[in-house]
Structure formats: structure tokens, C-alpha cells
PDB file of N, CA and C in Angstrom:
ATOM      1  N   UNK A   1      59.662  74.406 -66.905  1.00  0.00           N
ATOM      2  CA  UNK A   1      60.015  75.309 -67.980  1.00  0.00           C
ATOM      3  C   UNK A   1      59.471  76.686 -67.656  1.00  0.00           C
ATOM      4  N   UNK A   2      60.270  77.677 -67.798  1.00  0.00           N
ATOM      5  CA  UNK A   2      59.797  79.041 -67.605  1.00  0.00           C
ATOM      6  C   UNK A   2      59.886  79.773 -68.931  1.00  0.00           C
ATOM      7  N   UNK A   3      58.948  80.647 -69.172  1.00  0.00           N
ATOM      8  CA  UNK A   3      58.980  81.438 -70.395  1.00  0.00           C
ATOM      9  C   UNK A   3      57.714  81.265 -71.201  1.00  0.00           C
ATOM     10  N   UNK A   4      57.849  81.509 -72.489  1.00  0.00           N
ATOM     11  CA  UNK A   4      56.702  81.492 -73.386  1.00  0.00           C
ATOM     12  C   UNK A   4      56.454  80.083 -73.925  1.00  0.00           C
ATOM     13  N   UNK A   5      55.372  79.967 -74.686  1.00  0.00           N
ATOM     14  CA  UNK A   5      55.058  78.685 -75.324  1.00  0.00           C
ATOM     15  C   UNK A   5      56.140  78.279 -76.317  1.00  0.00           C
ATOM     16  N   UNK A   6      56.691  79.263 -77.022  1.00  0.00           N
ATOM     17  CA  UNK A   6      57.745  78.957 -78.000  1.00  0.00           C
ATOM     18  C   UNK A   6      58.994  78.416 -77.302  1.00  0.00           C
ATOM     19  N   UNK A   7      59.336  79.015 -76.141  1.00  0.00           N
ATOM     20  CA  UNK A   7      60.488  78.536 -75.388  1.00  0.00           C
ATOM     21  C   UNK A   7      60.236  77.138 -74.832  1.00  0.00           C
ATOM     22  N   UNK A   8      59.003  76.862 -74.426  1.00  0.00           N
ATOM     23  CA  UNK A   8      58.658  75.530 -73.926  1.00  0.00           C
ATOM     24  C   UNK A   8      58.774  74.498 -75.042  1.00  0.00           C
ATOM     25  N   UNK A   9      58.327  74.876 -76.237  1.00  0.00           N
ATOM     26  CA  UNK A   9      58.420  73.953 -77.371  1.00  0.00           C
ATOM     27  C   UNK A   9      59.876  73.680 -77.724  1.00  0.00           C
ATOM     28  N   UNK A  10      60.708  74.715 -77.710  1.00  0.00           N
ATOM     29  CA  UNK A  10      62.126  74.545 -78.002  1.00  0.00           C
ATOM     30  C   UNK A  10      62.792  73.656 -76.952  1.00  0.00           C
ATOM     31  N   UNK A  11      62.446  73.843 -75.684  1.00  0.00           N
ATOM     32  CA  UNK A  11      62.995  73.004 -74.622  1.00  0.00           C
ATOM     33  C   UNK A  11      62.577  71.551 -74.774  1.00  0.00           C
ATOM     34  N   UNK A  12      61.326  71.327 -75.166  1.00  0.00           N
ATOM     35  CA  UNK A  12      60.851  69.956 -75.375  1.00  0.00           C
ATOM     36  C   UNK A  12      61.555  69.305 -76.561  1.00  0.00           C
ATOM     37  N   UNK A  13      61.820  70.079 -77.617  1.00  0.00           N
ATOM     38  CA  UNK A  13      62.550  69.545 -78.779  1.00  0.00           C
ATOM     39  C   UNK A  13      63.981  69.160 -78.377  1.00  0.00           C
ATOM     40  N   UNK A  14      64.608  69.993 -77.553  1.00  0.00           N
ATOM     41  CA  UNK A  14      65.970  69.690 -77.092  1.00  0.00           C
ATOM     42  C   UNK A  14      65.990  68.415 -76.257  1.00  0.00           C
ATOM     43  N   UNK A  15      64.981  68.258 -75.393  1.00  0.00           N
ATOM     44  CA  UNK A  15      64.894  67.054 -74.576  1.00  0.00           C
ATOM     45  C   UNK A  15      64.685  65.819 -75.451  1.00  0.00           C
ATOM     46  N   UNK A  16      63.827  65.931 -76.455  1.00  0.00           N
ATOM     47  CA  UNK A  16      63.602  64.813 -77.379  1.00  0.00           C
ATOM     48  C   UNK A  16      64.894  64.456 -78.107  1.00  0.00           C
ATOM     49  N   UNK A  17      65.659  65.454 -78.496  1.00  0.00           N
ATOM     50  CA  UNK A  17      66.934  65.211 -79.190  1.00  0.00           C
ATOM     51  C   UNK A  17      67.934  64.506 -78.274  1.00  0.00           C
ATOM     52  N   UNK A  18      67.996  64.902 -77.002  1.00  0.00           N
ATOM     53  CA  UNK A  18      68.877  64.238 -76.035  1.00  0.00           C
ATOM     54  C   UNK A  18      68.487  62.776 -75.862  1.00  0.00           C
ATOM     55  N   UNK A  19      67.191  62.508 -75.781  1.00  0.00           N
ATOM     56  CA  UNK A  19      66.731  61.125 -75.654  1.00  0.00           C
ATOM     57  C   UNK A  19      67.076  60.305 -76.899  1.00  0.00           C
ATOM     58  N   UNK A  20      66.998  60.924 -78.084  1.00  0.00           N
ATOM     59  CA  UNK A  20      67.384  60.244 -79.318  1.00  0.00           C
ATOM     60  C   UNK A  20      68.863  59.864 -79.276  1.00  0.00           C
ATOM     61  N   UNK A  21      69.683  60.772 -78.792  1.00  0.00           N
ATOM     62  CA  UNK A  21      71.118  60.509 -78.707  1.00  0.00           C
ATOM     63  C   UNK A  21      71.438  59.373 -77.737  1.00  0.00           C
ATOM     64  N   UNK A  22      70.564  59.172 -76.742  1.00  0.00           N
ATOM     65  CA  UNK A  22      70.758  58.081 -75.790  1.00  0.00           C
ATOM     66  C   UNK A  22      70.256  56.744 -76.329  1.00  0.00           C
ATOM     67  N   UNK A  23      69.650  56.763 -77.514  1.00  0.00           N
ATOM     68  CA  UNK A  23      69.226  55.526 -78.154  1.00  0.00           C
ATOM     69  C   UNK A  23      67.736  55.234 -78.093  1.00  0.00           C
ATOM     70  N   UNK A  24      66.944  56.134 -77.527  1.00  0.00           N
ATOM     71  CA  UNK A  24      65.506  55.923 -77.480  1.00  0.00           C
ATOM     72  C   UNK A  24      64.875  56.352 -78.802  1.00  0.00           C
ATOM     73  N   UNK A  25      63.821  55.646 -79.208  1.00  0.00           N
ATOM     74  CA  UNK A  25      63.100  56.021 -80.426  1.00  0.00           C
ATOM     75  C   UNK A  25      62.074  57.080 -80.039  1.00  0.00           C
ATOM     76  N   UNK A  26      62.396  58.318 -80.351  1.00  0.00           N
ATOM     77  CA  UNK A  26      61.556  59.455 -79.979  1.00  0.00           C
ATOM     78  C   UNK A  26      61.200  60.232 -81.227  1.00  0.00           C
ATOM     79  N   UNK A  27      59.893  60.578 -81.335  1.00  0.00           N
ATOM     80  CA  UNK A  27      59.449  61.455 -82.406  1.00  0.00           C
ATOM     81  C   UNK A  27      58.741  62.637 -81.773  1.00  0.00           C
ATOM     82  N   UNK A  28      59.069  63.819 -82.209  1.00  0.00           N
ATOM     83  CA  UNK A  28      58.476  65.040 -81.652  1.00  0.00           C
ATOM     84  C   UNK A  28      57.340  65.480 -82.556  1.00  0.00           C
ATOM     85  N   UNK A  29      56.100  65.308 -82.073  1.00  0.00           N
ATOM     86  CA  UNK A  29      54.948  65.720 -82.881  1.00  0.00           C
ATOM     87  C   UNK A  29      53.791  66.100 -81.960  1.00  0.00           C
ATOM     88  N   UNK A  30      52.893  66.887 -82.454  1.00  0.00           N
ATOM     89  CA  UNK A  30      51.663  67.301 -81.757  1.00  0.00           C
ATOM     90  C   UNK A  30      51.961  67.931 -80.399  1.00  0.00           C
ATOM     91  N   UNK A  31      52.870  68.896 -80.383  1.00  0.00           N
ATOM     92  CA  UNK A  31      53.192  69.594 -79.136  1.00  0.00           C
ATOM     93  C   UNK A  31      52.049  70.515 -78.752  1.00  0.00           C
ATOM     94  N   UNK A  32      51.677  70.483 -77.456  1.00  0.00           N
ATOM     95  CA  UNK A  32      50.670  71.414 -76.952  1.00  0.00           C
ATOM     96  C   UNK A  32      50.906  71.646 -75.471  1.00  0.00           C
ATOM     97  N   UNK A  33      50.537  72.811 -75.000  1.00  0.00           N
ATOM     98  CA  UNK A  33      50.667  73.157 -73.592  1.00  0.00           C
ATOM     99  C   UNK A  33      49.410  72.660 -72.882  1.00  0.00           C
ATOM    100  N   UNK A  34      49.600  71.890 -71.813  1.00  0.00           N
ATOM    101  CA  UNK A  34      48.483  71.308 -71.083  1.00  0.00           C
ATOM    102  C   UNK A  34      48.210  72.075 -69.796  1.00  0.00           C
ATOM    103  N   UNK A  35      49.257  72.512 -69.102  1.00  0.00           N
ATOM    104  CA  UNK A  35      49.123  73.228 -67.838  1.00  0.00           C
ATOM    105  C   UNK A  35      50.051  74.426 -67.800  1.00  0.00           C
ATOM    106  N   UNK A  36      49.605  75.463 -67.112  1.00  0.00           N
ATOM    107  CA  UNK A  36      50.427  76.648 -66.890  1.00  0.00           C
ATOM    108  C   UNK A  36      50.445  76.889 -65.383  1.00  0.00           C
ATOM    109  N   UNK A  37      51.637  77.122 -64.842  1.00  0.00           N
ATOM    110  CA  UNK A  37      51.792  77.391 -63.422  1.00  0.00           C
ATOM    111  C   UNK A  37      52.375  78.784 -63.254  1.00  0.00           C
ATOM    112  N   UNK A  38      51.752  79.579 -62.388  1.00  0.00           N
ATOM    113  CA  UNK A  38      52.244  80.934 -62.130  1.00  0.00           C
ATOM    114  C   UNK A  38      52.349  81.141 -60.628  1.00  0.00           C
ATOM    115  N   UNK A  39      53.333  81.927 -60.218  1.00  0.00           N
ATOM    116  CA  UNK A  39      53.529  82.261 -58.816  1.00  0.00           C
ATOM    117  C   UNK A  39      53.570  83.781 -58.716  1.00  0.00           C
ATOM    118  N   UNK A  40      52.832  84.329 -57.760  1.00  0.00           N
ATOM    119  CA  UNK A  40      52.873  85.776 -57.543  1.00  0.00           C
ATOM    120  C   UNK A  40      52.683  86.067 -56.062  1.00  0.00           C
ATOM    121  N   UNK A  41      52.983  87.281 -55.674  1.00  0.00           N
ATOM    122  CA  UNK A  41      52.863  87.687 -54.271  1.00  0.00           C
ATOM    123  C   UNK A  41      51.971  88.914 -54.167  1.00  0.00           C
ATOM    124  N   UNK A  42      51.093  88.897 -53.186  1.00  0.00           N
ATOM    125  CA  UNK A  42      50.268  90.050 -52.889  1.00  0.00           C
ATOM    126  C   UNK A  42      51.083  91.000 -52.006  1.00  0.00           C
ATOM    127  N   UNK A  43      50.780  92.291 -52.042  1.00  0.00           N
ATOM    128  CA  UNK A  43      51.535  93.246 -51.204  1.00  0.00           C
ATOM    129  C   UNK A  43      51.086  93.233 -49.746  1.00  0.00           C
ATOM    130  N   UNK A  44      50.362  92.199 -49.331  1.00  0.00           N
ATOM    131  CA  UNK A  44      49.865  92.101 -47.963  1.00  0.00           C
ATOM    132  C   UNK A  44      49.745  90.631 -47.587  1.00  0.00           C
ATOM    133  N   UNK A  45      49.707  90.362 -46.290  1.00  0.00           N
ATOM    134  CA  UNK A  45      49.482  89.013 -45.787  1.00  0.00           C
ATOM    135  C   UNK A  45      47.975  88.743 -45.745  1.00  0.00           C
ATOM    136  N   UNK A  46      47.593  87.476 -45.729  1.00  0.00           N
ATOM    137  CA  UNK A  46      46.178  87.103 -45.802  1.00  0.00           C
ATOM    138  C   UNK A  46      45.814  86.273 -44.569  1.00  0.00           C
ATOM    139  N   UNK A  47      44.662  86.568 -43.990  1.00  0.00           N
ATOM    140  CA  UNK A  47      44.130  85.772 -42.884  1.00  0.00           C
ATOM    141  C   UNK A  47      43.344  84.623 -43.513  1.00  0.00           C
ATOM    142  N   UNK A  48      43.928  83.434 -43.534  1.00  0.00           N
ATOM    143  CA  UNK A  48      43.357  82.305 -44.267  1.00  0.00           C
ATOM    144  C   UNK A  48      42.038  81.806 -43.694  1.00  0.00           C
ATOM    145  N   UNK A  49      41.870  81.851 -42.390  1.00  0.00           N
ATOM    146  CA  UNK A  49      40.622  81.379 -41.794  1.00  0.00           C
ATOM    147  C   UNK A  49      39.454  82.265 -42.230  1.00  0.00           C
ATOM    148  N   UNK A  50      39.650  83.577 -42.210  1.00  0.00           N
ATOM    149  CA  UNK A  50      38.595  84.491 -42.679  1.00  0.00           C
ATOM    150  C   UNK A  50      38.320  84.305 -44.165  1.00  0.00           C
ATOM    151  N   UNK A  51      39.380  84.148 -44.946  1.00  0.00           N
ATOM    152  CA  UNK A  51      39.222  83.944 -46.395  1.00  0.00           C
ATOM    153  C   UNK A  51      38.388  82.698 -46.677  1.00  0.00           C
ATOM    154  N   UNK A  52      38.670  81.623 -45.951  1.00  0.00           N
ATOM    155  CA  UNK A  52      37.939  80.375 -46.171  1.00  0.00           C
ATOM    156  C   UNK A  52      36.487  80.499 -45.715  1.00  0.00           C
ATOM    157  N   UNK A  53      36.248  81.170 -44.592  1.00  0.00           N
ATOM    158  CA  UNK A  53      34.870  81.350 -44.107  1.00  0.00           C
ATOM    159  C   UNK A  53      34.040  82.181 -45.080  1.00  0.00           C
ATOM    160  N   UNK A  54      34.649  83.223 -45.652  1.00  0.00           N
ATOM    161  CA  UNK A  54      33.929  84.086 -46.595  1.00  0.00           C
ATOM    162  C   UNK A  54      33.639  83.398 -47.918  1.00  0.00           C
ATOM    163  N   UNK A  55      34.449  82.413 -48.300  1.00  0.00           N
ATOM    164  CA  UNK A  55      34.307  81.737 -49.589  1.00  0.00           C
ATOM    165  C   UNK A  55      34.160  80.232 -49.380  1.00  0.00           C
ATOM    166  N   UNK A  56      33.299  79.849 -48.457  1.00  0.00           N
ATOM    167  CA  UNK A  56      33.207  78.480 -47.964  1.00  0.00           C
ATOM    168  C   UNK A  56      33.010  77.400 -49.040  1.00  0.00           C
ATOM    169  N   UNK A  57      32.074  77.473 -49.937  1.00  0.00           N
ATOM    170  CA  UNK A  57      31.924  76.311 -50.826  1.00  0.00           C
ATOM    171  C   UNK A  57      33.077  76.152 -51.823  1.00  0.00           C
ATOM    172  N   UNK A  58      33.757  77.227 -52.133  1.00  0.00           N
ATOM    173  CA  UNK A  58      34.802  77.176 -53.163  1.00  0.00           C
ATOM    174  C   UNK A  58      36.184  77.016 -52.536  1.00  0.00           C
ATOM    175  N   UNK A  59      36.404  77.641 -51.383  1.00  0.00           N
ATOM    176  CA  UNK A  59      37.711  77.616 -50.732  1.00  0.00           C
ATOM    177  C   UNK A  59      37.746  76.548 -49.649  1.00  0.00           C
ATOM    178  N   UNK A  60      38.897  75.898 -49.523  1.00  0.00           N
ATOM    179  CA  UNK A  60      39.085  74.922 -48.449  1.00  0.00           C
ATOM    180  C   UNK A  60      40.449  75.151 -47.809  1.00  0.00           C
ATOM    181  N   UNK A  61      40.493  74.977 -46.497  1.00  0.00           N
ATOM    182  CA  UNK A  61      41.738  75.189 -45.758  1.00  0.00           C
ATOM    183  C   UNK A  61      41.845  74.127 -44.683  1.00  0.00           C
ATOM    184  N   UNK A  62      42.840  73.279 -44.793  1.00  0.00           N
ATOM    185  CA  UNK A  62      43.125  72.241 -43.816  1.00  0.00           C
ATOM    186  C   UNK A  62      44.556  72.429 -43.335  1.00  0.00           C
ATOM    187  N   UNK A  63      44.771  73.204 -42.271  1.00  0.00           N
ATOM    188  CA  UNK A  63      46.141  73.496 -41.839  1.00  0.00           C
ATOM    189  C   UNK A  63      46.924  72.263 -41.406  1.00  0.00           C
ATOM    190  N   UNK A  64      46.224  71.179 -41.041  1.00  0.00           N
ATOM    191  CA  UNK A  64      46.922  69.956 -40.665  1.00  0.00           C
ATOM    192  C   UNK A  64      47.522  69.254 -41.877  1.00  0.00           C
ATOM    193  N   UNK A  65      46.941  69.487 -43.051  1.00  0.00           N
ATOM    194  CA  UNK A  65      47.389  68.803 -44.262  1.00  0.00           C
ATOM    195  C   UNK A  65      48.295  69.647 -45.144  1.00  0.00           C
ATOM    196  N   UNK A  66      47.986  70.941 -45.254  1.00  0.00           N
ATOM    197  CA  UNK A  66      48.717  71.814 -46.173  1.00  0.00           C
ATOM    198  C   UNK A  66      48.670  73.243 -45.635  1.00  0.00           C
ATOM    199  N   UNK A  67      49.766  73.996 -45.757  1.00  0.00           N
ATOM    200  CA  UNK A  67      49.779  75.354 -45.189  1.00  0.00           C
ATOM    201  C   UNK A  67      49.019  76.395 -46.001  1.00  0.00           C
ATOM    202  N   UNK A  68      48.418  76.016 -47.115  1.00  0.00           N
ATOM    203  CA  UNK A  68      47.724  76.978 -47.975  1.00  0.00           C
ATOM    204  C   UNK A  68      46.242  76.655 -48.062  1.00  0.00           C
ATOM    205  N   UNK A  69      45.460  77.685 -48.350  1.00  0.00           N
ATOM    206  CA  UNK A  69      44.040  77.502 -48.657  1.00  0.00           C
ATOM    207  C   UNK A  69      43.926  77.274 -50.164  1.00  0.00           C
ATOM    208  N   UNK A  70      43.045  76.372 -50.553  1.00  0.00           N
ATOM    209  CA  UNK A  70      42.843  76.054 -51.968  1.00  0.00           C
ATOM    210  C   UNK A  70      41.544  76.687 -52.437  1.00  0.00           C
ATOM    211  N   UNK A  71      41.613  77.426 -53.532  1.00  0.00           N
ATOM    212  CA  UNK A  71      40.443  78.092 -54.110  1.00  0.00           C
ATOM    213  C   UNK A  71      40.320  77.625 -55.555  1.00  0.00           C
ATOM    214  N   UNK A  72      39.243  76.917 -55.863  1.00  0.00           N
ATOM    215  CA  UNK A  72      39.046  76.372 -57.215  1.00  0.00           C
ATOM    216  C   UNK A  72      38.009  77.203 -57.963  1.00  0.00           C
ATOM    217  N   UNK A  73      38.379  77.625 -59.169  1.00  0.00           N
ATOM    218  CA  UNK A  73      37.477  78.403 -60.019  1.00  0.00           C
ATOM    219  C   UNK A  73      37.078  77.503 -61.181  1.00  0.00           C
ATOM    220  N   UNK A  74      35.857  76.971 -61.117  1.00  0.00           N
ATOM    221  CA  UNK A  74      35.417  75.955 -62.080  1.00  0.00           C
ATOM    222  C   UNK A  74      35.338  76.486 -63.506  1.00  0.00           C
ATOM    223  N   UNK A  75      34.746  77.679 -63.693  1.00  0.00           N
ATOM    224  CA  UNK A  75      34.540  78.166 -65.065  1.00  0.00           C
ATOM    225  C   UNK A  75      35.855  78.490 -65.765  1.00  0.00           C
ATOM    226  N   UNK A  76      36.908  78.808 -65.012  1.00  0.00           N
ATOM    227  CA  UNK A  76      38.220  79.073 -65.611  1.00  0.00           C
ATOM    228  C   UNK A  76      39.112  77.834 -65.609  1.00  0.00           C
ATOM    229  N   UNK A  77      38.661  76.779 -64.910  1.00  0.00           N
ATOM    230  CA  UNK A  77      39.450  75.555 -64.736  1.00  0.00           C
ATOM    231  C   UNK A  77      40.806  75.878 -64.111  1.00  0.00           C
ATOM    232  N   UNK A  78      40.785  76.756 -63.116  1.00  0.00           N
ATOM    233  CA  UNK A  78      42.019  77.190 -62.458  1.00  0.00           C
ATOM    234  C   UNK A  78      41.939  76.886 -60.969  1.00  0.00           C
ATOM    235  N   UNK A  79      43.102  76.636 -60.378  1.00  0.00           N
ATOM    236  CA  UNK A  79      43.219  76.404 -58.943  1.00  0.00           C
ATOM    237  C   UNK A  79      44.239  77.374 -58.379  1.00  0.00           C
ATOM    238  N   UNK A  80      43.878  78.022 -57.276  1.00  0.00           N
ATOM    239  CA  UNK A  80      44.764  78.989 -56.637  1.00  0.00           C
ATOM    240  C   UNK A  80      45.093  78.484 -55.235  1.00  0.00           C
ATOM    241  N   UNK A  81      46.377  78.388 -54.940  1.00  0.00           N
ATOM    242  CA  UNK A  81      46.841  78.072 -53.594  1.00  0.00           C
ATOM    243  C   UNK A  81      47.212  79.403 -52.939  1.00  0.00           C
ATOM    244  N   UNK A  82      46.553  79.743 -51.824  1.00  0.00           N
ATOM    245  CA  UNK A  82      46.780  81.007 -51.140  1.00  0.00           C
ATOM    246  C   UNK A  82      47.515  80.724 -49.837  1.00  0.00           C
ATOM    247  N   UNK A  83      48.690  81.319 -49.668  1.00  0.00           N
ATOM    248  CA  UNK A  83      49.459  81.164 -48.443  1.00  0.00           C
ATOM    249  C   UNK A  83      49.252  82.387 -47.560  1.00  0.00           C
ATOM    250  N   UNK A  84      49.478  82.233 -46.255  1.00  0.00           N
ATOM    251  CA  UNK A  84      49.222  83.322 -45.311  1.00  0.00           C
ATOM    252  C   UNK A  84      50.138  84.517 -45.547  1.00  0.00           C
ATOM    253  N   UNK A  85      51.265  84.316 -46.201  1.00  0.00           N
ATOM    254  CA  UNK A  85      52.184  85.421 -46.495  1.00  0.00           C
ATOM    255  C   UNK A  85      51.696  86.293 -47.641  1.00  0.00           C
ATOM    256  N   UNK A  86      50.646  85.853 -48.333  1.00  0.00           N
ATOM    257  CA  UNK A  86      50.144  86.576 -49.494  1.00  0.00           C
ATOM    258  C   UNK A  86      50.679  86.021 -50.789  1.00  0.00           C
ATOM    259  N   UNK A  87      51.419  84.945 -50.717  1.00  0.00           N
ATOM    260  CA  UNK A  87      51.966  84.314 -51.912  1.00  0.00           C
ATOM    261  C   UNK A  87      50.903  83.417 -52.551  1.00  0.00           C
ATOM    262  N   UNK A  88      50.807  83.464 -53.868  1.00  0.00           N
ATOM    263  CA  UNK A  88      49.823  82.668 -54.609  1.00  0.00           C
ATOM    264  C   UNK A  88      50.527  81.738 -55.590  1.00  0.00           C
ATOM    265  N   UNK A  89      49.985  80.539 -55.732  1.00  0.00           N
ATOM    266  CA  UNK A  89      50.403  79.615 -56.783  1.00  0.00           C
ATOM    267  C   UNK A  89      49.153  79.307 -57.591  1.00  0.00           C
ATOM    268  N   UNK A  90      49.163  79.654 -58.858  1.00  0.00           N
ATOM    269  CA  UNK A  90      47.984  79.509 -59.709  1.00  0.00           C
ATOM    270  C   UNK A  90      48.289  78.485 -60.802  1.00  0.00           C
ATOM    271  N   UNK A  91      47.397  77.502 -60.959  1.00  0.00           N
ATOM    272  CA  UNK A  91      47.527  76.491 -62.000  1.00  0.00           C
ATOM    273  C   UNK A  91      46.286  76.554 -62.873  1.00  0.00           C
ATOM    274  N   UNK A  92      46.499  76.533 -64.190  1.00  0.00           N
ATOM    275  CA  UNK A  92      45.378  76.567 -65.120  1.00  0.00           C
ATOM    276  C   UNK A  92      45.766  76.014 -66.468  1.00  0.00           C
ATOM    277  N   UNK A  93      44.789  75.882 -67.365  1.00  0.00           N
ATOM    278  CA  UNK A  93      45.069  75.286 -68.681  1.00  0.00           C
ATOM    279  C   UNK A  93      45.799  76.209 -69.649  1.00  0.00           C
ATOM    280  N   UNK A  94      45.694  77.516 -69.452  1.00  0.00           N
ATOM    281  CA  UNK A  94      46.396  78.446 -70.346  1.00  0.00           C
ATOM    282  C   UNK A  94      46.684  79.756 -69.611  1.00  0.00           C
ATOM    283  N   UNK A  95      47.455  80.606 -70.242  1.00  0.00           N
ATOM    284  CA  UNK A  95      47.898  81.856 -69.617  1.00  0.00           C
ATOM    285  C   UNK A  95      46.712  82.779 -69.340  1.00  0.00           C
ATOM    286  N   UNK A  96      45.741  82.818 -70.240  1.00  0.00           N
ATOM    287  CA  UNK A  96      44.588  83.702 -70.062  1.00  0.00           C
ATOM    288  C   UNK A  96      43.778  83.320 -68.825  1.00  0.00           C
ATOM    289  N   UNK A  97      43.573  82.025 -68.599  1.00  0.00           N
ATOM    290  CA  UNK A  97      42.786  81.607 -67.430  1.00  0.00           C
ATOM    291  C   UNK A  97      43.542  81.870 -66.133  1.00  0.00           C
ATOM    292  N   UNK A  98      44.857  81.737 -66.152  1.00  0.00           N
ATOM    293  CA  UNK A  98      45.659  82.030 -64.970  1.00  0.00           C
ATOM    294  C   UNK A  98      45.584  83.520 -64.635  1.00  0.00           C
ATOM    295  N   UNK A  99      45.712  84.376 -65.642  1.00  0.00           N
ATOM    296  CA  UNK A  99      45.615  85.822 -65.423  1.00  0.00           C
ATOM    297  C   UNK A  99      44.216  86.205 -64.924  1.00  0.00           C
ATOM    298  N   UNK A 100      43.185  85.602 -65.488  1.00  0.00           N
ATOM    299  CA  UNK A 100      41.816  85.884 -65.042  1.00  0.00           C
ATOM    300  C   UNK A 100      41.594  85.413 -63.614  1.00  0.00           C
ATOM    301  N   UNK A 101      42.200  84.302 -63.242  1.00  0.00           N
ATOM    302  CA  UNK A 101      42.063  83.785 -61.876  1.00  0.00           C
ATOM    303  C   UNK A 101      42.669  84.757 -60.867  1.00  0.00           C
ATOM    304  N   UNK A 102      43.823  85.335 -61.189  1.00  0.00           N
ATOM    305  CA  UNK A 102      44.451  86.306 -60.282  1.00  0.00           C
ATOM    306  C   UNK A 102      43.577  87.552 -60.163  1.00  0.00           C
ATOM    307  N   UNK A 103      43.042  88.023 -61.276  1.00  0.00           N
ATOM    308  CA  UNK A 103      42.155  89.186 -61.245  1.00  0.00           C
ATOM    309  C   UNK A 103      40.875  88.898 -60.454  1.00  0.00           C
ATOM    310  N   UNK A 104      40.394  87.654 -60.539  1.00  0.00           N
ATOM    311  CA  UNK A 104      39.171  87.262 -59.837  1.00  0.00           C
ATOM    312  C   UNK A 104      39.389  87.177 -58.322  1.00  0.00           C
ATOM    313  N   UNK A 105      40.536  86.670 -57.901  1.00  0.00           N
ATOM    314  CA  UNK A 105      40.755  86.409 -56.480  1.00  0.00           C
ATOM    315  C   UNK A 105      41.292  87.621 -55.720  1.00  0.00           C
ATOM    316  N   UNK A 106      41.868  88.592 -56.407  1.00  0.00           N
ATOM    317  CA  UNK A 106      42.466  89.738 -55.709  1.00  0.00           C
ATOM    318  C   UNK A 106      41.481  90.459 -54.786  1.00  0.00           C
ATOM    319  N   UNK A 107      40.264  90.827 -55.234  1.00  0.00           N
ATOM    320  CA  UNK A 107      39.347  91.522 -54.323  1.00  0.00           C
ATOM    321  C   UNK A 107      38.950  90.667 -53.121  1.00  0.00           C
ATOM    322  N   UNK A 108      38.867  89.349 -53.307  1.00  0.00           N
ATOM    323  CA  UNK A 108      38.514  88.459 -52.205  1.00  0.00           C
ATOM    324  C   UNK A 108      39.633  88.415 -51.162  1.00  0.00           C
ATOM    325  N   UNK A 109      40.865  88.444 -51.625  1.00  0.00           N
ATOM    326  CA  UNK A 109      42.012  88.449 -50.720  1.00  0.00           C
ATOM    327  C   UNK A 109      42.149  89.791 -50.019  1.00  0.00           C
ATOM    328  N   UNK A 110      41.841  90.860 -50.733  1.00  0.00           N
ATOM    329  CA  UNK A 110      41.962  92.206 -50.163  1.00  0.00           C
ATOM    330  C   UNK A 110      41.062  92.370 -48.939  1.00  0.00           C
ATOM    331  N   UNK A 111      39.876  91.749 -48.986  1.00  0.00           N
ATOM    332  CA  UNK A 111      38.945  91.806 -47.862  1.00  0.00           C
ATOM    333  C   UNK A 111      39.515  91.133 -46.613  1.00  0.00           C
ATOM    334  N   UNK A 112      40.380  90.144 -46.804  1.00  0.00           N
ATOM    335  CA  UNK A 112      40.875  89.320 -45.694  1.00  0.00           C
ATOM    336  C   UNK A 112      42.340  89.586 -45.383  1.00  0.00           C
ATOM    337  N   UNK A 113      42.834  90.752 -45.720  1.00  0.00           N
ATOM    338  CA  UNK A 113      44.237  91.025 -45.442  1.00  0.00           C
ATOM    339  C   UNK A 113      44.472  91.218 -43.952  1.00  0.00           C
ATOM    340  N   UNK A 114      45.658  90.829 -43.513  1.00  0.00           N
ATOM    341  CA  UNK A 114      46.036  91.003 -42.111  1.00  0.00           C
ATOM    342  C   UNK A 114      46.472  92.436 -41.894  1.00  0.00           C
ATOM    343  N   UNK A 115      46.201  92.987 -40.711  1.00  0.00           N
ATOM    344  CA  UNK A 115      46.690  94.342 -40.440  1.00  0.00           C
ATOM    345  C   UNK A 115      48.211  94.350 -40.357  1.00  0.00           C
ATOM    346  N   UNK A 116      48.806  95.444 -40.800  1.00  0.00           N
ATOM    347  CA  UNK A 116      50.258  95.567 -40.800  1.00  0.00           C
ATOM    348  C   UNK A 116      50.773  95.722 -39.368  1.00  0.00           C
ATOM    349  N   UNK A 117      51.857  95.037 -39.087  1.00  0.00           N
ATOM    350  CA  UNK A 117      52.505  95.141 -37.772  1.00  0.00           C
ATOM    351  C   UNK A 117      53.732  96.030 -37.894  1.00  0.00           C
ATOM    352  N   UNK A 118      53.950  96.894 -36.907  1.00  0.00           N
ATOM    353  CA  UNK A 118      55.135  97.758 -36.929  1.00  0.00           C
ATOM    354  C   UNK A 118      55.951  97.519 -35.698  1.00  0.00           C
TER     355      UNK A 118
END
């Protein structure tokens, strides 16, 4: 679902209604947002090995398993996947924590940007 919480709630109500029409006993109650996923791009590429070395206990990078470095922010309960292209995937419990996670990680990524090639 993309959009606001209200749009997510409306989409969930529509899905519940479709399931009712198919014959399932569905009741729509106690709606709440559990996870928020955001994707953004930095205006520069990131050197993942340097990023991981600089943020060793929090960041992990296993190129054999996944092409992104994982950066977990415990106090915000957010996880940031950093790709070498500068693309970020941020997961958190609400919109505020996701926005704070991007603001928190930007200076760390800026330090590890790749030089521009011409």
C-alpha cells in the first residue's frame, strides 16, 4: 500500500469487503499500522565497505548474502538497507521513526560517498 494511513485503512476495508463477497466471515476492526516502508535515493554512490568499517557494531555487510549493508537503529526501531548506488530502503514502526532514521544516517553516508567518475 502506498500513501497515507487513511488510504491504507480504506484499502484494507476494500480488501475485507472483497473477502466477504467471496464467502469468508470477515470483520474489520482495530485497524493499526504496524510497519512503514520507505525508499529513497542519495545524490551520490556509497562505498559500502568503508561505511561498514566506520559503523562496525551497528552496520553489517555480507556481499555473499545480500548486496546491501544493513544499519539497525535500536532507539528508533528502524532498519536501513544501504545499497552501493546510494539507494536506501528504510523500515520502521511509524513515519516519524523512518524520517528520523534517514536524517540520522545521511551524515554517515556522506562521509563514505564514492568519488564521481566522468
